[in-house]
Amino acid sequence: MAKKTVATLQSSSKRLTKAIKMVKSPKSGAYTFVESVMPPEMVNEWLNSK
């Protein structure tokens, strides 16, 4: 399973990180990419969740 933090974004005074996770569909077996923008502290928690 591929996990990667690709960018650190600055918006006003808040630091944000864009993370992309590759998720396998249980129905078809195909992989899809899920993107999310969040604070850097939450990245590892989000990547480890299913």
PDB file of N, CA and C in Angstrom:
ATOM      1  N   MET A   1       0.845  -1.178   0.000  1.00  0.00           N
ATOM      2  CA  MET A   1       0.000   0.000   0.000  1.00  0.00           C
ATOM      3  C   MET A   1       0.885   1.234   0.000  1.00  0.00           C
ATOM      4  N   ALA A   2       0.707   2.090  -0.959  1.00  0.00           N
ATOM      5  CA  ALA A   2       1.538   3.289  -1.082  1.00  0.00           C
ATOM      6  C   ALA A   2       1.003   4.399  -0.196  1.00  0.00           C
ATOM      7  N   LYS A   3       1.915   5.043   0.522  1.00  0.00           N
ATOM      8  CA  LYS A   3       1.545   6.174   1.373  1.00  0.00           C
ATOM      9  C   LYS A   3       2.570   7.265   1.146  1.00  0.00           C
ATOM     10  N   LYS A   4       2.116   8.475   0.974  1.00  0.00           N
ATOM     11  CA  LYS A   4       3.075   9.543   0.749  1.00  0.00           C
ATOM     12  C   LYS A   4       2.463  10.893   1.079  1.00  0.00           C
ATOM     13  N   THR A   5       3.238  11.714   1.756  1.00  0.00           N
ATOM     14  CA  THR A   5       2.866  13.101   1.970  1.00  0.00           C
ATOM     15  C   THR A   5       3.530  13.885   0.853  1.00  0.00           C
ATOM     16  N   VAL A   6       2.750  14.578   0.042  1.00  0.00           N
ATOM     17  CA  VAL A   6       3.301  15.185  -1.162  1.00  0.00           C
ATOM     18  C   VAL A   6       3.545  16.681  -1.080  1.00  0.00           C
ATOM     19  N   ALA A   7       2.898  17.377  -0.186  1.00  0.00           N
ATOM     20  CA  ALA A   7       3.073  18.833  -0.181  1.00  0.00           C
ATOM     21  C   ALA A   7       2.758  19.399   1.191  1.00  0.00           C
ATOM     22  N   THR A   8       3.427  20.463   1.524  1.00  0.00           N
ATOM     23  CA  THR A   8       3.080  21.223   2.706  1.00  0.00           C
ATOM     24  C   THR A   8       2.551  22.559   2.223  1.00  0.00           C
ATOM     25  N   LEU A   9       1.322  22.878   2.567  1.00  0.00           N
ATOM     26  CA  LEU A   9       0.655  24.074   2.060  1.00  0.00           C
ATOM     27  C   LEU A   9       0.535  25.108   3.166  1.00  0.00           C
ATOM     28  N   GLN A  10       0.665  26.379   2.818  1.00  0.00           N
ATOM     29  CA  GLN A  10       0.491  27.473   3.763  1.00  0.00           C
ATOM     30  C   GLN A  10      -0.789  28.219   3.392  1.00  0.00           C
ATOM     31  N   SER A  11      -1.714  28.338   4.342  1.00  0.00           N
ATOM     32  CA  SER A  11      -2.911  29.139   4.108  1.00  0.00           C
ATOM     33  C   SER A  11      -3.090  30.053   5.312  1.00  0.00           C
ATOM     34  N   SER A  12      -2.914  31.307   5.095  1.00  0.00           N
ATOM     35  CA  SER A  12      -2.921  32.343   6.138  1.00  0.00           C
ATOM     36  C   SER A  12      -1.960  31.946   7.249  1.00  0.00           C
ATOM     37  N   SER A  13      -2.436  31.696   8.460  1.00  0.00           N
ATOM     38  CA  SER A  13      -1.530  31.375   9.554  1.00  0.00           C
ATOM     39  C   SER A  13      -1.538  29.888   9.895  1.00  0.00           C
ATOM     40  N   LYS A  14      -2.272  29.076   9.141  1.00  0.00           N
ATOM     41  CA  LYS A  14      -2.400  27.663   9.433  1.00  0.00           C
ATOM     42  C   LYS A  14      -1.569  26.838   8.462  1.00  0.00           C
ATOM     43  N   ARG A  15      -0.758  25.904   8.989  1.00  0.00           N
ATOM     44  CA  ARG A  15       0.021  25.007   8.140  1.00  0.00           C
ATOM     45  C   ARG A  15      -0.808  23.782   7.798  1.00  0.00           C
ATOM     46  N   LEU A  16      -0.867  23.419   6.523  1.00  0.00           N
ATOM     47  CA  LEU A  16      -1.626  22.260   6.092  1.00  0.00           C
ATOM     48  C   LEU A  16      -0.762  21.361   5.227  1.00  0.00           C
ATOM     49  N   THR A  17      -1.077  20.070   5.227  1.00  0.00           N
ATOM     50  CA  THR A  17      -0.356  19.090   4.425  1.00  0.00           C
ATOM     51  C   THR A  17      -1.349  18.327   3.570  1.00  0.00           C
ATOM     52  N   LYS A  18      -0.985  18.093   2.311  1.00  0.00           N
ATOM     53  CA  LYS A  18      -1.816  17.295   1.420  1.00  0.00           C
ATOM     54  C   LYS A  18      -1.233  15.888   1.389  1.00  0.00           C
ATOM     55  N   ALA A  19      -2.057  14.899   1.720  1.00  0.00           N
ATOM     56  CA  ALA A  19      -1.606  13.504   1.735  1.00  0.00           C
ATOM     57  C   ALA A  19      -2.430  12.701   0.734  1.00  0.00           C
ATOM     58  N   ILE A  20      -1.771  11.735   0.097  1.00  0.00           N
ATOM     59  CA  ILE A  20      -2.438  10.866  -0.872  1.00  0.00           C
ATOM     60  C   ILE A  20      -2.242   9.424  -0.423  1.00  0.00           C
ATOM     61  N   LYS A  21      -3.338   8.670  -0.406  1.00  0.00           N
ATOM     62  CA  LYS A  21      -3.292   7.276   0.020  1.00  0.00           C
ATOM     63  C   LYS A  21      -3.884   6.409  -1.077  1.00  0.00           C
ATOM     64  N   MET A  22      -3.254   5.275  -1.366  1.00  0.00           N
ATOM     65  CA  MET A  22      -3.770   4.338  -2.356  1.00  0.00           C
ATOM     66  C   MET A  22      -4.603   3.287  -1.613  1.00  0.00           C
ATOM     67  N   VAL A  23      -5.865   3.118  -2.020  1.00  0.00           N
ATOM     68  CA  VAL A  23      -6.792   2.218  -1.346  1.00  0.00           C
ATOM     69  C   VAL A  23      -7.309   1.189  -2.340  1.00  0.00           C
ATOM     70  N   LYS A  24      -7.309  -0.083  -1.927  1.00  0.00           N
ATOM     71  CA  LYS A  24      -7.816  -1.156  -2.790  1.00  0.00           C
ATOM     72  C   LYS A  24      -9.298  -1.367  -2.526  1.00  0.00           C
ATOM     73  N   SER A  25     -10.087  -1.379  -3.587  1.00  0.00           N
ATOM     74  CA  SER A  25     -11.525  -1.587  -3.477  1.00  0.00           C
ATOM     75  C   SER A  25     -11.799  -3.069  -3.186  1.00  0.00           C
ATOM     76  N   PRO A  26     -12.575  -3.357  -2.135  1.00  0.00           N
ATOM     77  CA  PRO A  26     -12.866  -4.760  -1.827  1.00  0.00           C
ATOM     78  C   PRO A  26     -13.783  -5.418  -2.859  1.00  0.00           C
ATOM     79  N   LYS A  27     -14.574  -4.618  -3.550  1.00  0.00           N
ATOM     80  CA  LYS A  27     -15.528  -5.141  -4.533  1.00  0.00           C
ATOM     81  C   LYS A  27     -14.841  -5.561  -5.833  1.00  0.00           C
ATOM     82  N   SER A  28     -14.087  -4.629  -6.440  1.00  0.00           N
ATOM     83  CA  SER A  28     -13.510  -4.893  -7.753  1.00  0.00           C
ATOM     84  C   SER A  28     -12.028  -5.229  -7.704  1.00  0.00           C
ATOM     85  N   GLY A  29     -11.362  -4.916  -6.607  1.00  0.00           N
ATOM     86  CA  GLY A  29      -9.928  -5.179  -6.500  1.00  0.00           C
ATOM     87  C   GLY A  29      -9.072  -4.090  -7.122  1.00  0.00           C
ATOM     88  N   ALA A  30      -9.703  -3.063  -7.683  1.00  0.00           N
ATOM     89  CA  ALA A  30      -8.963  -1.969  -8.310  1.00  0.00           C
ATOM     90  C   ALA A  30      -8.470  -0.994  -7.235  1.00  0.00           C
ATOM     91  N   TYR A  31      -7.378  -0.315  -7.529  1.00  0.00           N
ATOM     92  CA  TYR A  31      -6.838   0.679  -6.602  1.00  0.00           C
ATOM     93  C   TYR A  31      -7.336   2.071  -6.967  1.00  0.00           C
ATOM     94  N   THR A  32      -7.639   2.853  -5.947  1.00  0.00           N
ATOM     95  CA  THR A  32      -8.020   4.244  -6.139  1.00  0.00           C
ATOM     96  C   THR A  32      -7.161   5.102  -5.228  1.00  0.00           C
ATOM     97  N   PHE A  33      -7.058   6.372  -5.534  1.00  0.00           N
ATOM     98  CA  PHE A  33      -6.275   7.296  -4.736  1.00  0.00           C
ATOM     99  C   PHE A  33      -7.210   8.221  -3.980  1.00  0.00           C
ATOM    100  N   VAL A  34      -6.956   8.367  -2.673  1.00  0.00           N
ATOM    101  CA  VAL A  34      -7.749   9.237  -1.818  1.00  0.00           C
ATOM    102  C   VAL A  34      -6.838  10.377  -1.372  1.00  0.00           C
ATOM    103  N   GLU A  35      -7.257  11.609  -1.644  1.00  0.00           N
ATOM    104  CA  GLU A  35      -6.468  12.786  -1.273  1.00  0.00           C
ATOM    105  C   GLU A  35      -7.167  13.532  -0.154  1.00  0.00           C
ATOM    106  N   SER A  36      -6.360  14.126   0.730  1.00  0.00           N
ATOM    107  CA  SER A  36      -6.923  14.903   1.820  1.00  0.00           C
ATOM    108  C   SER A  36      -5.928  15.982   2.241  1.00  0.00           C
ATOM    109  N   VAL A  37      -6.446  17.141   2.643  1.00  0.00           N
ATOM    110  CA  VAL A  37      -5.624  18.235   3.154  1.00  0.00           C
ATOM    111  C   VAL A  37      -5.930  18.366   4.642  1.00  0.00           C
ATOM    112  N   MET A  38      -4.875  18.305   5.476  1.00  0.00           N
ATOM    113  CA  MET A  38      -5.060  18.302   6.925  1.00  0.00           C
ATOM    114  C   MET A  38      -3.851  18.892   7.627  1.00  0.00           C
ATOM    115  N   PRO A  39      -3.957  19.146   8.926  1.00  0.00           N
ATOM    116  CA  PRO A  39      -2.786  19.602   9.680  1.00  0.00           C
ATOM    117  C   PRO A  39      -1.730  18.497   9.713  1.00  0.00           C
ATOM    118  N   PRO A  40      -0.445  18.848   9.745  1.00  0.00           N
ATOM    119  CA  PRO A  40       0.622  17.842   9.721  1.00  0.00           C
ATOM    120  C   PRO A  40       0.547  16.828  10.855  1.00  0.00           C
ATOM    121  N   GLU A  41      -0.009  17.196  11.991  1.00  0.00           N
ATOM    122  CA  GLU A  41      -0.086  16.293  13.130  1.00  0.00           C
ATOM    123  C   GLU A  41      -1.021  15.107  12.868  1.00  0.00           C
ATOM    124  N   MET A  42      -1.970  15.277  11.973  1.00  0.00           N
ATOM    125  CA  MET A  42      -2.969  14.238  11.722  1.00  0.00           C
ATOM    126  C   MET A  42      -2.608  13.297  10.574  1.00  0.00           C
ATOM    127  N   VAL A  43      -1.511  13.542   9.867  1.00  0.00           N
ATOM    128  CA  VAL A  43      -1.176  12.765   8.666  1.00  0.00           C
ATOM    129  C   VAL A  43      -0.960  11.296   8.985  1.00  0.00           C
ATOM    130  N   ASN A  44      -0.106  10.968   9.954  1.00  0.00           N
ATOM    131  CA  ASN A  44       0.169   9.559  10.260  1.00  0.00           C
ATOM    132  C   ASN A  44      -1.076   8.816  10.698  1.00  0.00           C
ATOM    133  N   GLU A  45      -1.912   9.466  11.493  1.00  0.00           N
ATOM    134  CA  GLU A  45      -3.157   8.847  11.946  1.00  0.00           C
ATOM    135  C   GLU A  45      -4.068   8.552  10.752  1.00  0.00           C
ATOM    136  N   TRP A  46      -4.171   9.488   9.806  1.00  0.00           N
ATOM    137  CA  TRP A  46      -5.021   9.313   8.639  1.00  0.00           C
ATOM    138  C   TRP A  46      -4.478   8.214   7.723  1.00  0.00           C
ATOM    139  N   LEU A  47      -3.162   8.177   7.529  1.00  0.00           N
ATOM    140  CA  LEU A  47      -2.566   7.177   6.648  1.00  0.00           C
ATOM    141  C   LEU A  47      -2.707   5.765   7.233  1.00  0.00           C
ATOM    142  N   ASN A  48      -2.659   5.638   8.548  1.00  0.00           N
ATOM    143  CA  ASN A  48      -2.759   4.328   9.172  1.00  0.00           C
ATOM    144  C   ASN A  48      -4.190   3.823   9.279  1.00  0.00           C
ATOM    145  N   SER A  49      -5.182   4.697   9.127  1.00  0.00           N
ATOM    146  CA  SER A  49      -6.580   4.273   9.187  1.00  0.00           C
ATOM    147  C   SER A  49      -6.989   3.642   7.870  1.00  0.00           C
ATOM    148  N   LYS A  50      -8.016   2.822   7.917  1.00  0.00           N
ATOM    149  CA  LYS A  50      -8.505   2.190   6.677  1.00  0.00           C
ATOM    150  C   LYS A  50      -9.778   2.820   6.217  1.00  0.00           C
TER     151      LYS A  50
END
